[in-house]
Amino acid sequence: MSTAAAEISGETTMQEVLERFPGAKRNLFARYHIGGCQSCSYRDDETLAEVCSRNEDLPVDEVIEHILTSHEADQEILIEPAELKESLSAETAPRLIDLRTREEHDAVKLPGSELYGSDLLQEIFATESKDRLIVVYDHTGDRALDAAAYLIGHGFAATRALRGGIDAYAQEADPDVPRYKLEFEE
């Protein structure tokens, strides 16, 4: 049994599933329509088996396999902080999209990054080469994977999510980038 498989069972709470497998919410909704709306939502303290039981009695082992397989695919979308730093000095640097708030972006940002918004998204769809490396990032990597998957789903196959966000980049790739903590973070 793989280490990842040992980390999940029918008795694992949904909170634990989402902490261990960040793309699980998106992947469970895409395949089983679990967790995307009020009628199929779940509580953090519900176990995976309980969620499967009340969603057409889905086989727990099948759902676990889907979570693990999807997690492996999600890992292919990530770019490491050191790899991003190296690519910034390449002849064709990646397009950097910052998913954080305007205040966070104004305070600390990666060089050349653009703040995400609907206008920027429309501009990317209309003018950006589908082959160009696009890297999306947030503070700690919580939301970037979903945003990258969205762009990939729209044909931008070279899109990547910065593993660990700007915080990991500051720790691992460029100590000149200031680190910060938000008030509501633990």
N, C-alpha and C. Protein backbone atom coordinates (compact mmCIF):
# COMPACT_ATOMS: atom_id res chain seq x y z
N MET A 1 0.86 -1.19 0.00
CA MET A 1 0.00 0.00 0.00
C MET A 1 0.90 1.24 0.00
N SER A 2 0.59 2.21 -0.87
CA SER A 2 1.39 3.43 -0.93
C SER A 2 1.17 4.26 0.33
N THR A 3 2.11 5.18 0.56
CA THR A 3 1.99 6.06 1.72
C THR A 3 0.71 6.88 1.64
N ALA A 4 0.40 7.39 0.44
CA ALA A 4 -0.82 8.20 0.28
C ALA A 4 -2.05 7.38 0.60
N ALA A 5 -2.09 6.11 0.13
CA ALA A 5 -3.24 5.27 0.41
C ALA A 5 -3.39 5.01 1.90
N ALA A 6 -2.27 4.92 2.61
CA ALA A 6 -2.32 4.71 4.05
C ALA A 6 -2.87 5.93 4.77
N GLU A 7 -2.84 7.09 4.11
CA GLU A 7 -3.30 8.32 4.73
C GLU A 7 -4.79 8.56 4.59
N ILE A 8 -5.49 7.65 3.92
CA ILE A 8 -6.91 7.87 3.70
C ILE A 8 -7.66 6.55 3.79
N SER A 9 -8.81 6.60 4.43
CA SER A 9 -9.69 5.43 4.55
C SER A 9 -11.12 5.96 4.63
N GLY A 10 -12.06 5.06 4.73
CA GLY A 10 -13.45 5.46 4.88
C GLY A 10 -13.70 6.23 6.16
N GLU A 11 -12.84 6.05 7.14
CA GLU A 11 -13.00 6.73 8.43
C GLU A 11 -12.31 8.09 8.49
N THR A 12 -11.63 8.46 7.44
CA THR A 12 -10.97 9.76 7.38
C THR A 12 -12.03 10.84 7.26
N THR A 13 -11.91 11.90 8.07
CA THR A 13 -12.88 12.99 7.98
C THR A 13 -12.63 13.78 6.71
N MET A 14 -13.65 14.47 6.25
CA MET A 14 -13.51 15.28 5.05
C MET A 14 -12.50 16.40 5.26
N GLN A 15 -12.42 16.94 6.45
CA GLN A 15 -11.41 17.96 6.74
C GLN A 15 -10.02 17.38 6.50
N GLU A 16 -9.77 16.16 6.99
CA GLU A 16 -8.47 15.53 6.80
C GLU A 16 -8.21 15.21 5.33
N VAL A 17 -9.25 14.75 4.62
CA VAL A 17 -9.11 14.47 3.18
C VAL A 17 -8.65 15.73 2.46
N LEU A 18 -9.32 16.86 2.71
CA LEU A 18 -9.00 18.10 2.01
C LEU A 18 -7.64 18.66 2.41
N GLU A 19 -7.22 18.44 3.64
CA GLU A 19 -5.89 18.90 4.06
C GLU A 19 -4.80 18.08 3.38
N ARG A 20 -5.00 16.78 3.26
CA ARG A 20 -3.98 15.89 2.68
C ARG A 20 -3.98 15.91 1.15
N PHE A 21 -5.14 16.15 0.57
CA PHE A 21 -5.30 16.10 -0.88
C PHE A 21 -6.02 17.38 -1.33
N PRO A 22 -5.30 18.48 -1.50
CA PRO A 22 -5.91 19.78 -1.75
C PRO A 22 -6.86 19.84 -2.95
N GLY A 23 -6.66 19.04 -3.97
CA GLY A 23 -7.54 19.06 -5.13
C GLY A 23 -8.75 18.16 -4.99
N ALA A 24 -8.91 17.50 -3.85
CA ALA A 24 -9.99 16.53 -3.67
C ALA A 24 -11.37 17.16 -3.84
N LYS A 25 -11.56 18.37 -3.35
CA LYS A 25 -12.88 19.00 -3.48
C LYS A 25 -13.26 19.14 -4.95
N ARG A 26 -12.34 19.68 -5.76
CA ARG A 26 -12.59 19.85 -7.18
C ARG A 26 -12.78 18.50 -7.86
N ASN A 27 -11.95 17.52 -7.53
CA ASN A 27 -12.01 16.22 -8.18
C ASN A 27 -13.24 15.40 -7.78
N LEU A 28 -13.68 15.51 -6.53
CA LEU A 28 -14.90 14.81 -6.10
C LEU A 28 -16.13 15.41 -6.78
N PHE A 29 -16.13 16.73 -6.92
CA PHE A 29 -17.27 17.35 -7.58
C PHE A 29 -17.31 17.00 -9.06
N ALA A 30 -16.14 17.03 -9.71
CA ALA A 30 -16.10 16.76 -11.15
C ALA A 30 -16.59 15.36 -11.50
N ARG A 31 -16.25 14.38 -10.68
CA ARG A 31 -16.62 13.00 -11.01
C ARG A 31 -17.94 12.56 -10.40
N TYR A 32 -18.20 12.96 -9.14
CA TYR A 32 -19.35 12.43 -8.42
C TYR A 32 -20.39 13.48 -8.03
N HIS A 33 -20.15 14.74 -8.35
CA HIS A 33 -21.01 15.84 -7.94
C HIS A 33 -21.17 15.86 -6.41
N ILE A 34 -20.05 15.74 -5.74
CA ILE A 34 -20.01 15.82 -4.29
C ILE A 34 -19.30 17.11 -3.89
N GLY A 35 -19.97 17.92 -3.08
CA GLY A 35 -19.32 19.06 -2.46
C GLY A 35 -19.39 20.38 -3.19
N GLY A 36 -20.09 20.45 -4.29
CA GLY A 36 -20.10 21.69 -5.05
C GLY A 36 -21.28 22.60 -4.79
N CYS A 37 -22.31 22.09 -4.15
CA CYS A 37 -23.49 22.92 -3.91
C CYS A 37 -24.13 22.49 -2.58
N GLN A 38 -25.16 23.20 -2.18
CA GLN A 38 -25.78 22.94 -0.89
C GLN A 38 -26.36 21.53 -0.80
N SER A 39 -26.93 21.02 -1.88
CA SER A 39 -27.57 19.70 -1.81
C SER A 39 -26.56 18.56 -1.73
N CYS A 40 -25.33 18.78 -2.15
CA CYS A 40 -24.33 17.70 -2.11
C CYS A 40 -23.14 18.05 -1.23
N SER A 41 -23.30 19.05 -0.38
CA SER A 41 -22.19 19.48 0.48
C SER A 41 -21.95 18.46 1.60
N TYR A 42 -20.89 18.67 2.33
CA TYR A 42 -20.55 17.80 3.45
C TYR A 42 -19.96 18.66 4.56
N ARG A 43 -19.98 18.11 5.76
CA ARG A 43 -19.38 18.78 6.91
C ARG A 43 -17.93 18.32 7.07
N ASP A 44 -17.11 19.15 7.64
CA ASP A 44 -15.71 18.80 7.87
C ASP A 44 -15.55 17.55 8.73
N ASP A 45 -16.49 17.33 9.67
CA ASP A 45 -16.35 16.20 10.59
C ASP A 45 -16.97 14.91 10.06
N GLU A 46 -17.62 14.95 8.89
CA GLU A 46 -18.16 13.73 8.28
C GLU A 46 -17.01 12.87 7.77
N THR A 47 -17.18 11.56 7.87
CA THR A 47 -16.17 10.68 7.31
C THR A 47 -16.43 10.49 5.82
N LEU A 48 -15.41 10.06 5.12
CA LEU A 48 -15.55 9.79 3.70
C LEU A 48 -16.62 8.72 3.47
N ALA A 49 -16.66 7.71 4.32
CA ALA A 49 -17.66 6.64 4.20
C ALA A 49 -19.07 7.20 4.35
N GLU A 50 -19.27 8.13 5.28
CA GLU A 50 -20.59 8.72 5.47
C GLU A 50 -21.00 9.52 4.23
N VAL A 51 -20.07 10.26 3.67
CA VAL A 51 -20.36 11.05 2.47
C VAL A 51 -20.71 10.12 1.30
N CYS A 52 -19.93 9.05 1.15
CA CYS A 52 -20.21 8.09 0.07
C CYS A 52 -21.57 7.44 0.26
N SER A 53 -21.92 7.10 1.49
CA SER A 53 -23.18 6.43 1.79
C SER A 53 -24.38 7.27 1.37
N ARG A 54 -24.34 8.54 1.66
CA ARG A 54 -25.49 9.38 1.34
C ARG A 54 -25.44 9.98 -0.06
N ASN A 55 -24.44 9.61 -0.84
CA ASN A 55 -24.34 10.03 -2.23
C ASN A 55 -24.40 8.79 -3.12
N GLU A 56 -25.60 8.22 -3.18
CA GLU A 56 -25.89 7.06 -4.02
C GLU A 56 -25.08 5.83 -3.61
N ASP A 57 -24.70 5.77 -2.33
CA ASP A 57 -23.97 4.62 -1.78
C ASP A 57 -22.73 4.29 -2.63
N LEU A 58 -21.97 5.31 -2.93
CA LEU A 58 -20.76 5.13 -3.73
C LEU A 58 -19.79 4.18 -3.03
N PRO A 59 -19.10 3.32 -3.79
CA PRO A 59 -18.10 2.44 -3.18
C PRO A 59 -16.92 3.25 -2.64
N VAL A 60 -16.66 3.14 -1.36
CA VAL A 60 -15.61 3.93 -0.72
C VAL A 60 -14.25 3.68 -1.38
N ASP A 61 -13.94 2.43 -1.69
CA ASP A 61 -12.64 2.12 -2.30
C ASP A 61 -12.49 2.81 -3.65
N GLU A 62 -13.56 2.87 -4.42
CA GLU A 62 -13.51 3.54 -5.73
C GLU A 62 -13.26 5.03 -5.55
N VAL A 63 -13.93 5.64 -4.58
CA VAL A 63 -13.77 7.07 -4.33
C VAL A 63 -12.35 7.36 -3.84
N ILE A 64 -11.83 6.52 -2.97
CA ILE A 64 -10.45 6.69 -2.49
C ILE A 64 -9.48 6.59 -3.66
N GLU A 65 -9.67 5.60 -4.52
CA GLU A 65 -8.79 5.45 -5.69
C GLU A 65 -8.86 6.70 -6.57
N HIS A 66 -10.05 7.25 -6.75
CA HIS A 66 -10.19 8.47 -7.55
C HIS A 66 -9.45 9.64 -6.90
N ILE A 67 -9.56 9.78 -5.60
CA ILE A 67 -8.85 10.85 -4.88
C ILE A 67 -7.35 10.69 -5.06
N LEU A 68 -6.83 9.48 -4.91
CA LEU A 68 -5.39 9.23 -5.03
C LEU A 68 -4.89 9.45 -6.46
N THR A 69 -5.62 8.95 -7.43
CA THR A 69 -5.23 9.11 -8.83
C THR A 69 -5.26 10.59 -9.22
N SER A 70 -6.30 11.28 -8.80
CA SER A 70 -6.42 12.71 -9.10
C SER A 70 -5.31 13.50 -8.43
N HIS A 71 -4.95 13.10 -7.21
CA HIS A 71 -3.87 13.78 -6.49
C HIS A 71 -2.55 13.63 -7.25
N GLU A 72 -2.29 12.44 -7.75
CA GLU A 72 -1.07 12.23 -8.55
C GLU A 72 -1.07 13.13 -9.77
N ALA A 73 -2.19 13.24 -10.45
CA ALA A 73 -2.30 14.12 -11.63
C ALA A 73 -2.10 15.58 -11.22
N ASP A 74 -2.65 15.97 -10.07
CA ASP A 74 -2.49 17.35 -9.59
C ASP A 74 -1.02 17.68 -9.34
N GLN A 75 -0.24 16.71 -8.89
CA GLN A 75 1.18 16.95 -8.62
C GLN A 75 1.94 17.35 -9.89
N GLU A 76 1.44 16.89 -11.04
CA GLU A 76 2.06 17.24 -12.33
C GLU A 76 1.84 18.72 -12.67
N ILE A 77 0.85 19.33 -12.07
CA ILE A 77 0.52 20.73 -12.35
C ILE A 77 1.41 21.68 -11.54
N LEU A 78 2.00 21.19 -10.48
CA LEU A 78 2.78 22.06 -9.60
C LEU A 78 4.15 22.39 -10.19
N ILE A 79 4.62 23.59 -9.90
CA ILE A 79 5.99 23.99 -10.22
C ILE A 79 6.67 24.32 -8.89
N GLU A 80 7.88 23.85 -8.73
CA GLU A 80 8.64 24.09 -7.50
C GLU A 80 9.15 25.53 -7.47
N PRO A 81 9.27 26.11 -6.28
CA PRO A 81 9.78 27.49 -6.19
C PRO A 81 11.12 27.70 -6.89
N ALA A 82 12.07 26.81 -6.71
CA ALA A 82 13.39 26.95 -7.35
C ALA A 82 13.28 26.89 -8.87
N GLU A 83 12.41 26.03 -9.37
CA GLU A 83 12.19 25.92 -10.81
C GLU A 83 11.59 27.22 -11.36
N LEU A 84 10.66 27.81 -10.62
CA LEU A 84 10.08 29.09 -11.05
C LEU A 84 11.15 30.16 -11.07
N LYS A 85 11.95 30.24 -10.03
CA LYS A 85 13.00 31.27 -9.97
C LYS A 85 13.91 31.15 -11.19
N GLU A 86 14.29 29.95 -11.53
CA GLU A 86 15.15 29.74 -12.69
C GLU A 86 14.45 30.18 -13.98
N SER A 87 13.17 29.89 -14.10
CA SER A 87 12.44 30.24 -15.33
C SER A 87 12.25 31.74 -15.48
N LEU A 88 12.31 32.49 -14.37
CA LEU A 88 12.13 33.94 -14.44
C LEU A 88 13.27 34.61 -15.19
N SER A 89 14.43 33.97 -15.23
CA SER A 89 15.57 34.56 -15.94
C SER A 89 15.71 34.00 -17.36
N ALA A 90 14.78 33.16 -17.78
CA ALA A 90 14.81 32.60 -19.14
C ALA A 90 14.46 33.68 -20.15
N GLU A 91 14.82 33.42 -21.40
CA GLU A 91 14.53 34.37 -22.47
C GLU A 91 13.03 34.68 -22.56
N THR A 92 12.21 33.66 -22.45
CA THR A 92 10.76 33.84 -22.41
C THR A 92 10.29 33.49 -21.01
N ALA A 93 10.15 34.50 -20.18
CA ALA A 93 9.73 34.28 -18.80
C ALA A 93 8.26 33.89 -18.78
N PRO A 94 7.84 33.15 -17.74
CA PRO A 94 6.43 32.79 -17.64
C PRO A 94 5.57 34.01 -17.32
N ARG A 95 4.31 33.90 -17.63
CA ARG A 95 3.35 34.91 -17.21
C ARG A 95 2.94 34.55 -15.79
N LEU A 96 3.06 35.48 -14.88
CA LEU A 96 2.76 35.24 -13.47
C LEU A 96 1.43 35.88 -13.10
N ILE A 97 0.53 35.06 -12.58
CA ILE A 97 -0.80 35.53 -12.17
C ILE A 97 -0.93 35.36 -10.66
N ASP A 98 -1.15 36.46 -9.98
CA ASP A 98 -1.27 36.50 -8.52
C ASP A 98 -2.74 36.44 -8.14
N LEU A 99 -3.11 35.41 -7.39
CA LEU A 99 -4.51 35.19 -6.99
C LEU A 99 -4.87 35.87 -5.67
N ARG A 100 -3.91 36.50 -5.03
CA ARG A 100 -4.15 37.08 -3.71
C ARG A 100 -4.93 38.39 -3.81
N THR A 101 -5.15 39.01 -2.68
CA THR A 101 -5.87 40.28 -2.65
C THR A 101 -4.98 41.41 -3.18
N ARG A 102 -5.60 42.51 -3.55
CA ARG A 102 -4.84 43.67 -4.02
C ARG A 102 -3.86 44.14 -2.94
N GLU A 103 -4.30 44.12 -1.69
CA GLU A 103 -3.43 44.58 -0.60
C GLU A 103 -2.19 43.69 -0.48
N GLU A 104 -2.39 42.37 -0.57
CA GLU A 104 -1.24 41.47 -0.50
C GLU A 104 -0.31 41.68 -1.70
N HIS A 105 -0.90 41.81 -2.89
CA HIS A 105 -0.12 42.02 -4.11
C HIS A 105 0.68 43.32 -4.04
N ASP A 106 0.05 44.40 -3.54
CA ASP A 106 0.74 45.68 -3.43
C ASP A 106 1.88 45.61 -2.42
N ALA A 107 1.72 44.81 -1.38
CA ALA A 107 2.73 44.72 -0.33
C ALA A 107 3.91 43.83 -0.73
N VAL A 108 3.64 42.69 -1.34
CA VAL A 108 4.68 41.71 -1.69
C VAL A 108 4.24 41.00 -2.96
N LYS A 109 5.11 41.00 -3.97
CA LYS A 109 4.75 40.30 -5.21
C LYS A 109 6.00 39.78 -5.89
N LEU A 110 5.78 38.83 -6.77
CA LEU A 110 6.86 38.33 -7.60
C LEU A 110 7.04 39.30 -8.77
N PRO A 111 8.28 39.53 -9.19
CA PRO A 111 8.53 40.49 -10.27
C PRO A 111 7.75 40.15 -11.54
N GLY A 112 7.06 41.16 -12.06
CA GLY A 112 6.32 40.98 -13.30
C GLY A 112 4.96 40.33 -13.15
N SER A 113 4.56 40.03 -11.93
CA SER A 113 3.26 39.36 -11.74
C SER A 113 2.12 40.33 -11.94
N GLU A 114 0.97 39.76 -12.32
CA GLU A 114 -0.24 40.53 -12.54
C GLU A 114 -1.31 40.03 -11.57
N LEU A 115 -2.07 40.96 -11.05
CA LEU A 115 -3.13 40.61 -10.12
C LEU A 115 -4.31 40.04 -10.88
N TYR A 116 -4.78 38.88 -10.46
CA TYR A 116 -5.90 38.22 -11.11
C TYR A 116 -7.17 39.05 -11.00
N GLY A 117 -7.92 39.06 -12.07
CA GLY A 117 -9.23 39.71 -12.11
C GLY A 117 -9.92 39.27 -13.39
N SER A 118 -11.20 39.57 -13.51
CA SER A 118 -11.95 39.12 -14.69
C SER A 118 -11.42 39.76 -15.97
N ASP A 119 -10.97 41.00 -15.92
CA ASP A 119 -10.41 41.64 -17.12
C ASP A 119 -9.14 40.92 -17.57
N LEU A 120 -8.30 40.59 -16.62
CA LEU A 120 -7.06 39.87 -16.96
C LEU A 120 -7.38 38.50 -17.54
N LEU A 121 -8.33 37.82 -16.96
CA LEU A 121 -8.72 36.49 -17.46
C LEU A 121 -9.22 36.60 -18.90
N GLN A 122 -10.05 37.58 -19.18
CA GLN A 122 -10.56 37.76 -20.54
C GLN A 122 -9.43 38.08 -21.52
N GLU A 123 -8.48 38.89 -21.06
CA GLU A 123 -7.33 39.23 -21.90
C GLU A 123 -6.50 37.98 -22.20
N ILE A 124 -6.30 37.14 -21.20
CA ILE A 124 -5.55 35.89 -21.41
C ILE A 124 -6.27 35.02 -22.43
N PHE A 125 -7.58 34.85 -22.24
CA PHE A 125 -8.35 34.02 -23.18
C PHE A 125 -8.28 34.56 -24.61
N ALA A 126 -8.26 35.88 -24.75
CA ALA A 126 -8.31 36.50 -26.07
C ALA A 126 -6.96 36.58 -26.76
N THR A 127 -5.88 36.75 -25.99
CA THR A 127 -4.61 37.08 -26.65
C THR A 127 -3.43 36.18 -26.31
N GLU A 128 -3.48 35.47 -25.21
CA GLU A 128 -2.30 34.72 -24.77
C GLU A 128 -2.09 33.45 -25.60
N SER A 129 -0.86 33.14 -25.88
CA SER A 129 -0.52 31.89 -26.57
C SER A 129 -0.82 30.72 -25.63
N LYS A 130 -1.47 29.72 -26.16
CA LYS A 130 -1.83 28.55 -25.34
C LYS A 130 -0.60 27.73 -24.95
N ASP A 131 0.55 28.01 -25.59
CA ASP A 131 1.78 27.29 -25.30
C ASP A 131 2.66 27.98 -24.26
N ARG A 132 2.35 29.21 -23.91
CA ARG A 132 3.20 29.96 -22.98
C ARG A 132 3.02 29.42 -21.56
N LEU A 133 4.13 29.37 -20.84
CA LEU A 133 4.08 28.97 -19.44
C LEU A 133 3.38 30.08 -18.64
N ILE A 134 2.31 29.70 -17.97
CA ILE A 134 1.59 30.60 -17.07
C ILE A 134 1.71 29.98 -15.68
N VAL A 135 2.13 30.78 -14.71
CA VAL A 135 2.24 30.29 -13.33
C VAL A 135 1.30 31.11 -12.47
N VAL A 136 0.40 30.42 -11.78
CA VAL A 136 -0.51 31.09 -10.85
C VAL A 136 -0.02 30.82 -9.43
N TYR A 137 -0.17 31.82 -8.60
CA TYR A 137 0.25 31.65 -7.21
C TYR A 137 -0.67 32.42 -6.27
N ASP A 138 -0.67 31.95 -5.02
CA ASP A 138 -1.38 32.63 -3.96
C ASP A 138 -0.42 32.73 -2.78
N HIS A 139 -0.93 32.84 -1.57
CA HIS A 139 -0.05 32.99 -0.42
C HIS A 139 0.64 31.68 -0.04
N THR A 140 -0.14 30.61 0.14
CA THR A 140 0.44 29.35 0.60
C THR A 140 0.14 28.16 -0.31
N GLY A 141 -0.41 28.41 -1.46
CA GLY A 141 -0.69 27.33 -2.41
C GLY A 141 -2.06 26.70 -2.28
N ASP A 142 -2.93 27.27 -1.46
CA ASP A 142 -4.26 26.69 -1.22
C ASP A 142 -5.18 26.73 -2.44
N ARG A 143 -5.16 27.84 -3.18
CA ARG A 143 -6.12 28.03 -4.28
C ARG A 143 -5.50 27.91 -5.67
N ALA A 144 -4.20 27.95 -5.75
CA ALA A 144 -3.53 28.01 -7.05
C ALA A 144 -3.76 26.75 -7.89
N LEU A 145 -3.84 25.60 -7.27
CA LEU A 145 -4.04 24.36 -8.02
C LEU A 145 -5.37 24.38 -8.76
N ASP A 146 -6.43 24.84 -8.11
CA ASP A 146 -7.74 24.91 -8.77
C ASP A 146 -7.72 25.92 -9.92
N ALA A 147 -7.05 27.06 -9.72
CA ALA A 147 -6.98 28.07 -10.78
C ALA A 147 -6.18 27.54 -11.97
N ALA A 148 -5.09 26.84 -11.70
CA ALA A 148 -4.29 26.25 -12.79
C ALA A 148 -5.11 25.22 -13.54
N ALA A 149 -5.84 24.38 -12.83
CA ALA A 149 -6.67 23.36 -13.47
C ALA A 149 -7.73 24.02 -14.36
N TYR A 150 -8.26 25.14 -13.93
CA TYR A 150 -9.25 25.88 -14.72
C TYR A 150 -8.64 26.34 -16.04
N LEU A 151 -7.46 26.94 -15.97
CA LEU A 151 -6.81 27.42 -17.20
C LEU A 151 -6.42 26.25 -18.11
N ILE A 152 -5.93 25.18 -17.52
CA ILE A 152 -5.59 23.99 -18.31
C ILE A 152 -6.83 23.47 -19.02
N GLY A 153 -7.95 23.45 -18.31
CA GLY A 153 -9.21 23.01 -18.89
C GLY A 153 -9.68 23.88 -20.05
N HIS A 154 -9.17 25.11 -20.13
CA HIS A 154 -9.50 26.02 -21.23
C HIS A 154 -8.39 26.05 -22.28
N GLY A 155 -7.53 25.05 -22.27
CA GLY A 155 -6.55 24.89 -23.34
C GLY A 155 -5.17 25.44 -23.06
N PHE A 156 -4.94 26.04 -21.91
CA PHE A 156 -3.63 26.58 -21.57
C PHE A 156 -2.83 25.50 -20.84
N ALA A 157 -2.39 24.51 -21.61
CA ALA A 157 -1.80 23.28 -21.07
C ALA A 157 -0.50 23.50 -20.31
N ALA A 158 0.19 24.60 -20.58
CA ALA A 158 1.47 24.86 -19.92
C ALA A 158 1.30 25.60 -18.60
N THR A 159 0.09 25.70 -18.10
CA THR A 159 -0.16 26.40 -16.84
C THR A 159 0.29 25.55 -15.66
N ARG A 160 0.90 26.19 -14.68
CA ARG A 160 1.35 25.52 -13.47
C ARG A 160 0.93 26.35 -12.25
N ALA A 161 0.86 25.67 -11.11
CA ALA A 161 0.57 26.32 -9.82
C ALA A 161 1.84 26.27 -8.98
N LEU A 162 2.18 27.38 -8.36
CA LEU A 162 3.38 27.43 -7.53
C LEU A 162 3.15 26.66 -6.24
N ARG A 163 3.89 25.57 -6.08
CA ARG A 163 3.75 24.76 -4.87
C ARG A 163 4.14 25.59 -3.64
N GLY A 164 3.20 25.69 -2.70
CA GLY A 164 3.45 26.42 -1.47
C GLY A 164 3.26 27.92 -1.56
N GLY A 165 2.92 28.41 -2.75
CA GLY A 165 2.65 29.83 -2.93
C GLY A 165 3.87 30.71 -2.76
N ILE A 166 3.61 32.01 -2.63
CA ILE A 166 4.70 32.98 -2.50
C ILE A 166 5.46 32.77 -1.19
N ASP A 167 4.81 32.18 -0.20
CA ASP A 167 5.49 31.92 1.07
C ASP A 167 6.60 30.89 0.88
N ALA A 168 6.33 29.81 0.17
CA ALA A 168 7.37 28.80 -0.10
C ALA A 168 8.45 29.39 -1.01
N TYR A 169 8.04 30.22 -1.95
CA TYR A 169 9.02 30.87 -2.84
C TYR A 169 9.99 31.71 -2.02
N ALA A 170 9.48 32.47 -1.07
CA ALA A 170 10.33 33.31 -0.22
C ALA A 170 11.27 32.47 0.64
N GLN A 171 10.77 31.34 1.14
CA GLN A 171 11.60 30.48 2.00
C GLN A 171 12.64 29.69 1.21
N GLU A 172 12.25 29.18 0.03
CA GLU A 172 13.07 28.22 -0.68
C GLU A 172 13.85 28.77 -1.87
N ALA A 173 13.36 29.84 -2.48
CA ALA A 173 13.98 30.28 -3.73
C ALA A 173 14.56 31.69 -3.67
N ASP A 174 13.94 32.58 -2.92
CA ASP A 174 14.39 33.98 -2.91
C ASP A 174 14.13 34.62 -1.56
N PRO A 175 15.11 34.59 -0.67
CA PRO A 175 14.92 35.16 0.67
C PRO A 175 14.73 36.67 0.67
N ASP A 176 14.94 37.34 -0.48
CA ASP A 176 14.69 38.78 -0.56
C ASP A 176 13.20 39.10 -0.66
N VAL A 177 12.38 38.09 -0.97
CA VAL A 177 10.93 38.29 -1.00
C VAL A 177 10.43 38.22 0.45
N PRO A 178 9.84 39.29 0.96
CA PRO A 178 9.39 39.30 2.35
C PRO A 178 8.28 38.27 2.60
N ARG A 179 8.34 37.65 3.76
CA ARG A 179 7.26 36.74 4.18
C ARG A 179 6.30 37.52 5.07
N TYR A 180 5.07 37.05 5.14
CA TYR A 180 4.06 37.70 5.97
C TYR A 180 3.07 36.65 6.42
N LYS A 181 2.28 37.01 7.40
CA LYS A 181 1.22 36.13 7.90
C LYS A 181 -0.05 36.95 7.98
N LEU A 182 -1.15 36.35 7.53
CA LEU A 182 -2.44 37.02 7.60
C LEU A 182 -3.03 36.84 9.00
N GLU A 183 -3.84 37.80 9.43
CA GLU A 183 -4.41 37.75 10.77
C GLU A 183 -5.21 36.50 11.05
N PHE A 184 -5.94 35.99 10.07
CA PHE A 184 -6.81 34.84 10.30
C PHE A 184 -6.08 33.50 10.13
N GLU A 185 -4.80 33.50 9.77
CA GLU A 185 -4.05 32.25 9.67
C GLU A 185 -3.64 31.80 11.07
N GLU A 186 -3.50 30.51 11.19
CA GLU A 186 -3.10 29.96 12.50
C GLU A 186 -1.63 30.17 12.74
